[in-house]
Amino acid sequence: KIGSKYGENNIGQNKKVDVEFISANPTGPLTVGNARGGVIGDCV
């Protein structure tokens, strides 16, 4: 019944947060871990 609003709350109301996630290290080979940083950062 709640749908996509399930789990929403206002615990962070009026608070700001900056989520930084980094790209792949260009001085080394690409790994799955490099891609994971962006996905996890966006999910958080």
All heavy atoms as atom14 arrays in JSON, in Angstrom:
{
  "sequence": "KIGSKYGENNIGQNKKVDVEFISANPTGPLTVGNARGGVIGDCV",
  "atom14_mask": [
    [1, 1, 1, 1, 1, 1, 1, 1, 1, 0, 0, 0, 0, 0],
    [1, 1, 1, 1, 1, 1, 1, 1, 0, 0, 0, 0, 0, 0],
    [1, 1, 1, 1, 0, 0, 0, 0, 0, 0, 0, 0, 0, 0],
    [1, 1, 1, 1, 1, 1, 0, 0, 0, 0, 0, 0, 0, 0],
    [1, 1, 1, 1, 1, 1, 1, 1, 1, 0, 0, 0, 0, 0],
    [1, 1, 1, 1, 1, 1, 1, 1, 1, 1, 1, 1, 0, 0],
    [1, 1, 1, 1, 0, 0, 0, 0, 0, 0, 0, 0, 0, 0],
    [1, 1, 1, 1, 1, 1, 1, 1, 1, 0, 0, 0, 0, 0],
    [1, 1, 1, 1, 1, 1, 1, 1, 0, 0, 0, 0, 0, 0],
    [1, 1, 1, 1, 1, 1, 1, 1, 0, 0, 0, 0, 0, 0],
    [1, 1, 1, 1, 1, 1, 1, 1, 0, 0, 0, 0, 0, 0],
    [1, 1, 1, 1, 0, 0, 0, 0, 0, 0, 0, 0, 0, 0],
    [1, 1, 1, 1, 1, 1, 1, 1, 1, 0, 0, 0, 0, 0],
    [1, 1, 1, 1, 1, 1, 1, 1, 0, 0, 0, 0, 0, 0],
    [1, 1, 1, 1, 1, 1, 1, 1, 1, 0, 0, 0, 0, 0],
    [1, 1, 1, 1, 1, 1, 1, 1, 1, 0, 0, 0, 0, 0],
    [1, 1, 1, 1, 1, 1, 1, 0, 0, 0, 0, 0, 0, 0],
    [1, 1, 1, 1, 1, 1, 1, 1, 0, 0, 0, 0, 0, 0],
    [1, 1, 1, 1, 1, 1, 1, 0, 0, 0, 0, 0, 0, 0],
    [1, 1, 1, 1, 1, 1, 1, 1, 1, 0, 0, 0, 0, 0],
    [1, 1, 1, 1, 1, 1, 1, 1, 1, 1, 1, 0, 0, 0],
    [1, 1, 1, 1, 1, 1, 1, 1, 0, 0, 0, 0, 0, 0],
    [1, 1, 1, 1, 1, 1, 0, 0, 0, 0, 0, 0, 0, 0],
    [1, 1, 1, 1, 1, 0, 0, 0, 0, 0, 0, 0, 0, 0],
    [1, 1, 1, 1, 1, 1, 1, 1, 0, 0, 0, 0, 0, 0],
    [1, 1, 1, 1, 1, 1, 1, 0, 0, 0, 0, 0, 0, 0],
    [1, 1, 1, 1, 1, 1, 1, 0, 0, 0, 0, 0, 0, 0],
    [1, 1, 1, 1, 0, 0, 0, 0, 0, 0, 0, 0, 0, 0],
    [1, 1, 1, 1, 1, 1, 1, 0, 0, 0, 0, 0, 0, 0],
    [1, 1, 1, 1, 1, 1, 1, 1, 0, 0, 0, 0, 0, 0],
    [1, 1, 1, 1, 1, 1, 1, 0, 0, 0, 0, 0, 0, 0],
    [1, 1, 1, 1, 1, 1, 1, 0, 0, 0, 0, 0, 0, 0],
    [1, 1, 1, 1, 0, 0, 0, 0, 0, 0, 0, 0, 0, 0],
    [1, 1, 1, 1, 1, 1, 1, 1, 0, 0, 0, 0, 0, 0],
    [1, 1, 1, 1, 1, 0, 0, 0, 0, 0, 0, 0, 0, 0],
    [1, 1, 1, 1, 1, 1, 1, 1, 1, 1, 1, 0, 0, 0],
    [1, 1, 1, 1, 0, 0, 0, 0, 0, 0, 0, 0, 0, 0],
    [1, 1, 1, 1, 0, 0, 0, 0, 0, 0, 0, 0, 0, 0],
    [1, 1, 1, 1, 1, 1, 1, 0, 0, 0, 0, 0, 0, 0],
    [1, 1, 1, 1, 1, 1, 1, 1, 0, 0, 0, 0, 0, 0],
    [1, 1, 1, 1, 0, 0, 0, 0, 0, 0, 0, 0, 0, 0],
    [1, 1, 1, 1, 1, 1, 1, 1, 0, 0, 0, 0, 0, 0],
    [1, 1, 1, 1, 1, 1, 0, 0, 0, 0, 0, 0, 0, 0],
    [1, 1, 1, 1, 1, 1, 1, 0, 0, 0, 0, 0, 0, 0]
  ],
  "atom14_positions": [
    [[0.83, -1.21, 0.0], [0.0, 0.0, 0.0], [0.87, 1.26, 0.0], [0.56, 2.23, -0.67], [-0.92, 0.02, 1.22], [-2.11, -0.89, 1.1], [-2.96, -0.85, 2.36], [-4.01, -1.94, 2.31], [-4.72, -2.08, 3.58], [0.0, 0.0, 0.0], [0.0, 0.0, 0.0], [0.0, 0.0, 0.0], [0.0, 0.0, 0.0], [0.0, 0.0, 0.0]],
    [[1.95, 1.23, 0.76], [2.84, 2.4, 0.87], [3.64, 2.56, -0.41], [3.95, 3.68, -0.83], [3.75, 2.26, 2.11], [2.91, 2.3, 3.38], [4.81, 3.36, 2.11], [3.66, 1.91, 4.63], [0.0, 0.0, 0.0], [0.0, 0.0, 0.0], [0.0, 0.0, 0.0], [0.0, 0.0, 0.0], [0.0, 0.0, 0.0], [0.0, 0.0, 0.0]],
    [[3.98, 1.47, -1.04], [4.73, 1.5, -2.3], [6.13, 2.04, -2.15], [6.84, 1.72, -1.19], [0.0, 0.0, 0.0], [0.0, 0.0, 0.0], [0.0, 0.0, 0.0], [0.0, 0.0, 0.0], [0.0, 0.0, 0.0], [0.0, 0.0, 0.0], [0.0, 0.0, 0.0], [0.0, 0.0, 0.0], [0.0, 0.0, 0.0], [0.0, 0.0, 0.0]],
    [[6.53, 2.91, -3.07], [7.91, 3.4, -3.1], [8.24, 4.3, -1.92], [9.4, 4.64, -1.7], [8.18, 4.14, -4.41], [7.38, 5.29, -4.48], [0.0, 0.0, 0.0], [0.0, 0.0, 0.0], [0.0, 0.0, 0.0], [0.0, 0.0, 0.0], [0.0, 0.0, 0.0], [0.0, 0.0, 0.0], [0.0, 0.0, 0.0], [0.0, 0.0, 0.0]],
    [[7.25, 4.71, -1.17], [7.5, 5.55, 0.0], [7.82, 4.7, 1.25], [8.13, 5.25, 2.3], [6.31, 6.45, 0.28], [6.1, 7.48, -0.82], [5.2, 8.6, -0.35], [5.06, 9.66, -1.39], [6.23, 10.42, -1.67], [0.0, 0.0, 0.0], [0.0, 0.0, 0.0], [0.0, 0.0, 0.0], [0.0, 0.0, 0.0], [0.0, 0.0, 0.0]],
    [[7.76, 3.37, 1.13], [8.05, 2.51, 2.27], [9.47, 2.76, 2.78], [10.42, 2.8, 2.01], [7.91, 1.02, 1.9], [8.27, 0.11, 3.04], [7.42, -0.04, 4.12], [9.47, -0.55, 3.06], [7.74, -0.85, 5.18], [9.82, -1.37, 4.11], [8.95, -1.52, 5.17], [9.3, -2.32, 6.24], [0.0, 0.0, 0.0], [0.0, 0.0, 0.0]],
    [[9.6, 2.95, 4.05], [10.9, 3.17, 4.68], [11.33, 4.61, 4.77], [12.31, 4.93, 5.43], [0.0, 0.0, 0.0], [0.0, 0.0, 0.0], [0.0, 0.0, 0.0], [0.0, 0.0, 0.0], [0.0, 0.0, 0.0], [0.0, 0.0, 0.0], [0.0, 0.0, 0.0], [0.0, 0.0, 0.0], [0.0, 0.0, 0.0], [0.0, 0.0, 0.0]],
    [[10.59, 5.52, 4.12], [10.97, 6.93, 4.18], [10.71, 7.48, 5.58], [9.79, 7.07, 6.26], [10.15, 7.76, 3.18], [10.57, 7.56, 1.75], [9.82, 8.47, 0.8], [9.11, 9.39, 1.24], [9.96, 8.24, -0.42], [0.0, 0.0, 0.0], [0.0, 0.0, 0.0], [0.0, 0.0, 0.0], [0.0, 0.0, 0.0], [0.0, 0.0, 0.0]],
    [[11.57, 8.4, 5.99], [11.37, 9.11, 7.25], [12.09, 10.45, 7.17], [12.67, 10.78, 6.15], [11.87, 8.28, 8.44], [13.35, 8.01, 8.38], [14.15, 8.93, 8.41], [13.72, 6.75, 8.27], [0.0, 0.0, 0.0], [0.0, 0.0, 0.0], [0.0, 0.0, 0.0], [0.0, 0.0, 0.0], [0.0, 0.0, 0.0], [0.0, 0.0, 0.0]],
    [[12.05, 11.21, 8.23], [12.66, 12.54, 8.24], [13.83, 12.64, 9.21], [14.11, 13.71, 9.73], [11.6, 13.6, 8.59], [10.6, 13.74, 7.48], [10.97, 13.76, 6.31], [9.33, 13.83, 7.82], [0.0, 0.0, 0.0], [0.0, 0.0, 0.0], [0.0, 0.0, 0.0], [0.0, 0.0, 0.0], [0.0, 0.0, 0.0], [0.0, 0.0, 0.0]],
    [[14.52, 11.55, 9.45], [15.62, 11.56, 10.42], [16.7, 12.57, 10.05], [17.36, 13.14, 10.9], [16.19, 10.14, 10.61], [16.96, 10.03, 11.91], [17.05, 9.72, 9.43], [17.29, 8.62, 12.31], [0.0, 0.0, 0.0], [0.0, 0.0, 0.0], [0.0, 0.0, 0.0], [0.0, 0.0, 0.0], [0.0, 0.0, 0.0], [0.0, 0.0, 0.0]],
    [[16.89, 12.82, 8.76], [17.92, 13.76, 8.32], [17.36, 15.13, 7.96], [18.07, 15.93, 7.34], [0.0, 0.0, 0.0], [0.0, 0.0, 0.0], [0.0, 0.0, 0.0], [0.0, 0.0, 0.0], [0.0, 0.0, 0.0], [0.0, 0.0, 0.0], [0.0, 0.0, 0.0], [0.0, 0.0, 0.0], [0.0, 0.0, 0.0], [0.0, 0.0, 0.0]],
    [[16.13, 15.4, 8.35], [15.48, 16.66, 7.96], [16.34, 17.87, 8.33], [16.85, 17.97, 9.44], [14.11, 16.78, 8.62], [13.31, 17.93, 8.1], [11.87, 17.91, 8.63], [11.54, 17.2, 9.55], [11.04, 18.72, 8.02], [0.0, 0.0, 0.0], [0.0, 0.0, 0.0], [0.0, 0.0, 0.0], [0.0, 0.0, 0.0], [0.0, 0.0, 0.0]],
    [[16.47, 18.78, 7.36], [17.22, 20.03, 7.52], [18.72, 19.81, 7.74], [19.4, 20.7, 8.22], [16.64, 20.89, 8.65], [15.2, 21.28, 8.38], [14.84, 21.57, 7.25], [14.39, 21.26, 9.41], [0.0, 0.0, 0.0], [0.0, 0.0, 0.0], [0.0, 0.0, 0.0], [0.0, 0.0, 0.0], [0.0, 0.0, 0.0], [0.0, 0.0, 0.0]],
    [[19.21, 18.64, 7.41], [20.64, 18.37, 7.52], [21.19, 18.12, 6.12], [20.53, 17.55, 5.28], [20.9, 17.15, 8.4], [20.45, 17.34, 9.84], [20.68, 16.08, 10.64], [20.12, 16.2, 12.03], [20.17, 14.93, 12.74], [0.0, 0.0, 0.0], [0.0, 0.0, 0.0], [0.0, 0.0, 0.0], [0.0, 0.0, 0.0], [0.0, 0.0, 0.0]],
    [[22.42, 18.58, 5.92], [23.06, 18.4, 4.62], [24.17, 17.36, 4.74], [24.83, 17.25, 5.77], [23.66, 19.72, 4.14], [22.62, 20.78, 3.84], [23.27, 22.06, 3.36], [22.21, 23.1, 3.07], [22.8, 24.35, 2.58], [0.0, 0.0, 0.0], [0.0, 0.0, 0.0], [0.0, 0.0, 0.0], [0.0, 0.0, 0.0], [0.0, 0.0, 0.0]],
    [[24.36, 16.63, 3.66], [25.43, 15.64, 3.61], [25.99, 15.6, 2.19], [25.25, 15.78, 1.22], [24.94, 14.25, 4.07], [23.91, 13.68, 3.11], [26.09, 13.27, 4.23], [0.0, 0.0, 0.0], [0.0, 0.0, 0.0], [0.0, 0.0, 0.0], [0.0, 0.0, 0.0], [0.0, 0.0, 0.0], [0.0, 0.0, 0.0], [0.0, 0.0, 0.0]],
    [[27.28, 15.42, 2.09], [27.95, 15.31, 0.81], [28.48, 13.89, 0.68], [29.24, 13.43, 1.53], [29.11, 16.31, 0.73], [29.78, 16.3, -0.63], [29.07, 16.15, -1.64], [31.01, 16.44, -0.67], [0.0, 0.0, 0.0], [0.0, 0.0, 0.0], [0.0, 0.0, 0.0], [0.0, 0.0, 0.0], [0.0, 0.0, 0.0], [0.0, 0.0, 0.0]],
    [[28.03, 13.19, -0.35], [28.5, 11.83, -0.59], [29.48, 11.89, -1.75], [29.11, 12.25, -2.86], [27.33, 10.87, -0.9], [27.85, 9.47, -1.19], [26.34, 10.84, 0.26], [0.0, 0.0, 0.0], [0.0, 0.0, 0.0], [0.0, 0.0, 0.0], [0.0, 0.0, 0.0], [0.0, 0.0, 0.0], [0.0, 0.0, 0.0], [0.0, 0.0, 0.0]],
    [[30.72, 11.54, -1.45], [31.76, 11.53, -2.48], [32.06, 10.09, -2.86], [32.22, 9.23, -2.0], [33.05, 12.16, -1.93], [32.92, 13.61, -1.56], [34.23, 14.18, -1.02], [35.25, 13.45, -0.97], [34.23, 15.35, -0.64], [0.0, 0.0, 0.0], [0.0, 0.0, 0.0], [0.0, 0.0, 0.0], [0.0, 0.0, 0.0], [0.0, 0.0, 0.0]],
    [[32.07, 9.84, -4.15], [32.53, 8.54, -4.6], [33.48, 8.77, -5.75], [33.35, 9.73, -6.49], [31.39, 7.58, -4.95], [30.14, 8.17, -5.52], [29.85, 8.07, -6.86], [29.23, 8.83, -4.69], [28.69, 8.59, -7.39], [28.05, 9.34, -5.22], [27.78, 9.23, -6.57], [0.0, 0.0, 0.0], [0.0, 0.0, 0.0], [0.0, 0.0, 0.0]],
    [[34.45, 7.9, -5.85], [35.56, 8.16, -6.76], [35.52, 7.26, -7.98], [34.89, 6.22, -7.99], [36.91, 7.99, -6.04], [37.07, 6.57, -5.51], [37.05, 8.98, -4.92], [38.43, 6.23, -4.99], [0.0, 0.0, 0.0], [0.0, 0.0, 0.0], [0.0, 0.0, 0.0], [0.0, 0.0, 0.0], [0.0, 0.0, 0.0], [0.0, 0.0, 0.0]],
    [[36.21, 7.71, -8.99], [36.31, 6.92, -10.22], [37.43, 5.91, -10.08], [38.12, 5.84, -9.07], [36.6, 7.86, -11.39], [37.88, 8.43, -11.24], [0.0, 0.0, 0.0], [0.0, 0.0, 0.0], [0.0, 0.0, 0.0], [0.0, 0.0, 0.0], [0.0, 0.0, 0.0], [0.0, 0.0, 0.0], [0.0, 0.0, 0.0], [0.0, 0.0, 0.0]],
    [[37.62, 5.17, -11.14], [38.71, 4.21, -11.19], [40.04, 4.92, -11.08], [40.2, 6.05, -11.53], [38.64, 3.43, -12.49], [0.0, 0.0, 0.0], [0.0, 0.0, 0.0], [0.0, 0.0, 0.0], [0.0, 0.0, 0.0], [0.0, 0.0, 0.0], [0.0, 0.0, 0.0], [0.0, 0.0, 0.0], [0.0, 0.0, 0.0], [0.0, 0.0, 0.0]],
    [[41.01, 4.24, -10.5], [42.36, 4.75, -10.43], [42.97, 4.64, -11.83], [43.19, 3.53, -12.33], [43.17, 3.92, -9.43], [44.61, 4.37, -9.32], [45.06, 5.25, -10.07], [45.33, 3.76, -8.41], [0.0, 0.0, 0.0], [0.0, 0.0, 0.0], [0.0, 0.0, 0.0], [0.0, 0.0, 0.0], [0.0, 0.0, 0.0], [0.0, 0.0, 0.0]],
    [[43.25, 5.74, -12.46], [43.74, 5.66, -13.85], [45.17, 5.17, -13.96], [45.66, 4.95, -15.06], [43.61, 7.1, -14.34], [43.67, 7.94, -13.13], [43.05, 7.12, -12.03], [0.0, 0.0, 0.0], [0.0, 0.0, 0.0], [0.0, 0.0, 0.0], [0.0, 0.0, 0.0], [0.0, 0.0, 0.0], [0.0, 0.0, 0.0], [0.0, 0.0, 0.0]],
    [[45.87, 5.0, -12.86], [47.26, 4.53, -12.93], [47.35, 3.01, -12.78], [48.44, 2.47, -12.74], [48.12, 5.2, -11.86], [47.59, 4.87, -10.57], [48.14, 6.7, -12.05], [0.0, 0.0, 0.0], [0.0, 0.0, 0.0], [0.0, 0.0, 0.0], [0.0, 0.0, 0.0], [0.0, 0.0, 0.0], [0.0, 0.0, 0.0], [0.0, 0.0, 0.0]],
    [[46.21, 2.35, -12.68], [46.25, 0.89, -12.54], [45.18, 0.26, -13.39], [44.37, 0.93, -14.02], [0.0, 0.0, 0.0], [0.0, 0.0, 0.0], [0.0, 0.0, 0.0], [0.0, 0.0, 0.0], [0.0, 0.0, 0.0], [0.0, 0.0, 0.0], [0.0, 0.0, 0.0], [0.0, 0.0, 0.0], [0.0, 0.0, 0.0], [0.0, 0.0, 0.0]],
    [[45.13, -1.06, -13.39], [44.13, -1.76, -14.18], [42.72, -1.56, -13.61], [42.56, -1.33, -12.4], [44.56, -3.22, -14.1], [45.37, -3.31, -12.85], [46.02, -1.97, -12.68], [0.0, 0.0, 0.0], [0.0, 0.0, 0.0], [0.0, 0.0, 0.0], [0.0, 0.0, 0.0], [0.0, 0.0, 0.0], [0.0, 0.0, 0.0], [0.0, 0.0, 0.0]],
    [[41.72, -1.64, -14.47], [40.34, -1.54, -14.02], [39.94, -2.83, -13.3], [40.33, -3.91, -13.71], [39.4, -1.32, -15.21], [39.5, 0.03, -15.9], [38.6, 0.05, -17.13], [39.1, 1.14, -14.95], [0.0, 0.0, 0.0], [0.0, 0.0, 0.0], [0.0, 0.0, 0.0], [0.0, 0.0, 0.0], [0.0, 0.0, 0.0], [0.0, 0.0, 0.0]],
    [[39.16, -2.67, -12.26], [38.68, -3.83, -11.52], [37.19, -3.67, -11.25], [36.63, -2.57, -11.42], [39.4, -3.95, -10.16], [39.01, -2.85, -9.33], [40.91, -3.99, -10.32], [0.0, 0.0, 0.0], [0.0, 0.0, 0.0], [0.0, 0.0, 0.0], [0.0, 0.0, 0.0], [0.0, 0.0, 0.0], [0.0, 0.0, 0.0], [0.0, 0.0, 0.0]],
    [[36.55, -4.72, -10.8], [35.14, -4.65, -10.42], [35.0, -3.66, -9.26], [34.02, -2.92, -9.17], [34.62, -6.05, -10.02], [33.23, -5.96, -9.42], [34.62, -6.97, -11.22], [0.0, 0.0, 0.0], [0.0, 0.0, 0.0], [0.0, 0.0, 0.0], [0.0, 0.0, 0.0], [0.0, 0.0, 0.0], [0.0, 0.0, 0.0], [0.0, 0.0, 0.0]],
    [[35.97, -3.63, -8.39], [35.94, -2.7, -7.26], [35.87, -1.24, -7.7], [35.24, -0.42, -7.05], [0.0, 0.0, 0.0], [0.0, 0.0, 0.0], [0.0, 0.0, 0.0], [0.0, 0.0, 0.0], [0.0, 0.0, 0.0], [0.0, 0.0, 0.0], [0.0, 0.0, 0.0], [0.0, 0.0, 0.0], [0.0, 0.0, 0.0], [0.0, 0.0, 0.0]],
    [[36.5, -0.91, -8.82], [36.43, 0.46, -9.34], [34.99, 0.84, -9.68], [34.54, 1.94, -9.36], [37.3, 0.62, -10.6], [38.77, 0.34, -10.37], [39.42, -0.3, -11.18], [39.32, 0.82, -9.27], [0.0, 0.0, 0.0], [0.0, 0.0, 0.0], [0.0, 0.0, 0.0], [0.0, 0.0, 0.0], [0.0, 0.0, 0.0], [0.0, 0.0, 0.0]],
    [[34.29, -0.05, -10.32], [32.89, 0.22, -10.69], [32.0, 0.24, -9.45], [31.05, 1.01, -9.36], [32.4, -0.83, -11.67], [0.0, 0.0, 0.0], [0.0, 0.0, 0.0], [0.0, 0.0, 0.0], [0.0, 0.0, 0.0], [0.0, 0.0, 0.0], [0.0, 0.0, 0.0], [0.0, 0.0, 0.0], [0.0, 0.0, 0.0], [0.0, 0.0, 0.0]],
    [[32.31, -0.61, -8.5], [31.5, -0.72, -7.29], [31.42, 0.6, -6.53], [30.38, 0.93, -5.97], [32.08, -1.83, -6.41], [31.28, -2.12, -5.19], [31.84, -3.3, -4.41], [33.26, -3.15, -4.19], [34.12, -4.15, -4.11], [33.71, -5.39, -4.26], [35.39, -3.93, -3.89], [0.0, 0.0, 0.0], [0.0, 0.0, 0.0], [0.0, 0.0, 0.0]],
    [[32.48, 1.39, -6.51], [32.5, 2.65, -5.77], [31.4, 3.6, -6.2], [30.72, 4.2, -5.36], [0.0, 0.0, 0.0], [0.0, 0.0, 0.0], [0.0, 0.0, 0.0], [0.0, 0.0, 0.0], [0.0, 0.0, 0.0], [0.0, 0.0, 0.0], [0.0, 0.0, 0.0], [0.0, 0.0, 0.0], [0.0, 0.0, 0.0], [0.0, 0.0, 0.0]],
    [[31.2, 3.72, -7.5], [30.15, 4.61, -7.99], [28.76, 4.11, -7.64], [27.88, 4.87, -7.24], [0.0, 0.0, 0.0], [0.0, 0.0, 0.0], [0.0, 0.0, 0.0], [0.0, 0.0, 0.0], [0.0, 0.0, 0.0], [0.0, 0.0, 0.0], [0.0, 0.0, 0.0], [0.0, 0.0, 0.0], [0.0, 0.0, 0.0], [0.0, 0.0, 0.0]],
    [[28.54, 2.82, -7.8], [27.22, 2.23, -7.52], [26.89, 2.35, -6.04], [25.79, 2.78, -5.66], [27.18, 0.75, -7.97], [25.9, 0.08, -7.54], [27.37, 0.65, -9.47], [0.0, 0.0, 0.0], [0.0, 0.0, 0.0], [0.0, 0.0, 0.0], [0.0, 0.0, 0.0], [0.0, 0.0, 0.0], [0.0, 0.0, 0.0], [0.0, 0.0, 0.0]],
    [[27.82, 1.99, -5.19], [27.57, 2.06, -3.74], [27.37, 3.51, -3.3], [26.47, 3.81, -2.52], [28.7, 1.37, -2.95], [28.64, -0.14, -3.19], [28.59, 1.67, -1.46], [29.78, -0.92, -2.6], [0.0, 0.0, 0.0], [0.0, 0.0, 0.0], [0.0, 0.0, 0.0], [0.0, 0.0, 0.0], [0.0, 0.0, 0.0], [0.0, 0.0, 0.0]],
    [[28.19, 4.41, -3.81], [28.04, 5.83, -3.47], [26.67, 6.35, -3.84], [26.01, 7.06, -3.06], [0.0, 0.0, 0.0], [0.0, 0.0, 0.0], [0.0, 0.0, 0.0], [0.0, 0.0, 0.0], [0.0, 0.0, 0.0], [0.0, 0.0, 0.0], [0.0, 0.0, 0.0], [0.0, 0.0, 0.0], [0.0, 0.0, 0.0], [0.0, 0.0, 0.0]],
    [[26.19, 5.99, -5.02], [24.88, 6.45, -5.45], [23.77, 5.83, -4.61], [22.79, 6.49, -4.27], [24.67, 6.14, -6.93], [23.45, 6.84, -7.49], [23.35, 8.08, -7.34], [22.6, 6.16, -8.07], [0.0, 0.0, 0.0], [0.0, 0.0, 0.0], [0.0, 0.0, 0.0], [0.0, 0.0, 0.0], [0.0, 0.0, 0.0], [0.0, 0.0, 0.0]],
    [[23.91, 4.57, -4.25], [22.91, 3.91, -3.4], [22.85, 4.55, -2.02], [21.76, 4.81, -1.48], [23.22, 2.42, -3.25], [22.91, 1.47, -4.74], [0.0, 0.0, 0.0], [0.0, 0.0, 0.0], [0.0, 0.0, 0.0], [0.0, 0.0, 0.0], [0.0, 0.0, 0.0], [0.0, 0.0, 0.0], [0.0, 0.0, 0.0], [0.0, 0.0, 0.0]],
    [[24.01, 4.82, -1.43], [24.05, 5.47, -0.12], [23.37, 6.84, -0.2], [22.56, 7.2, 0.67], [25.51, 5.6, 0.39], [25.6, 6.54, 1.58], [26.07, 4.23, 0.75], [0.0, 0.0, 0.0], [0.0, 0.0, 0.0], [0.0, 0.0, 0.0], [0.0, 0.0, 0.0], [0.0, 0.0, 0.0], [0.0, 0.0, 0.0], [0.0, 0.0, 0.0]]
  ]
}
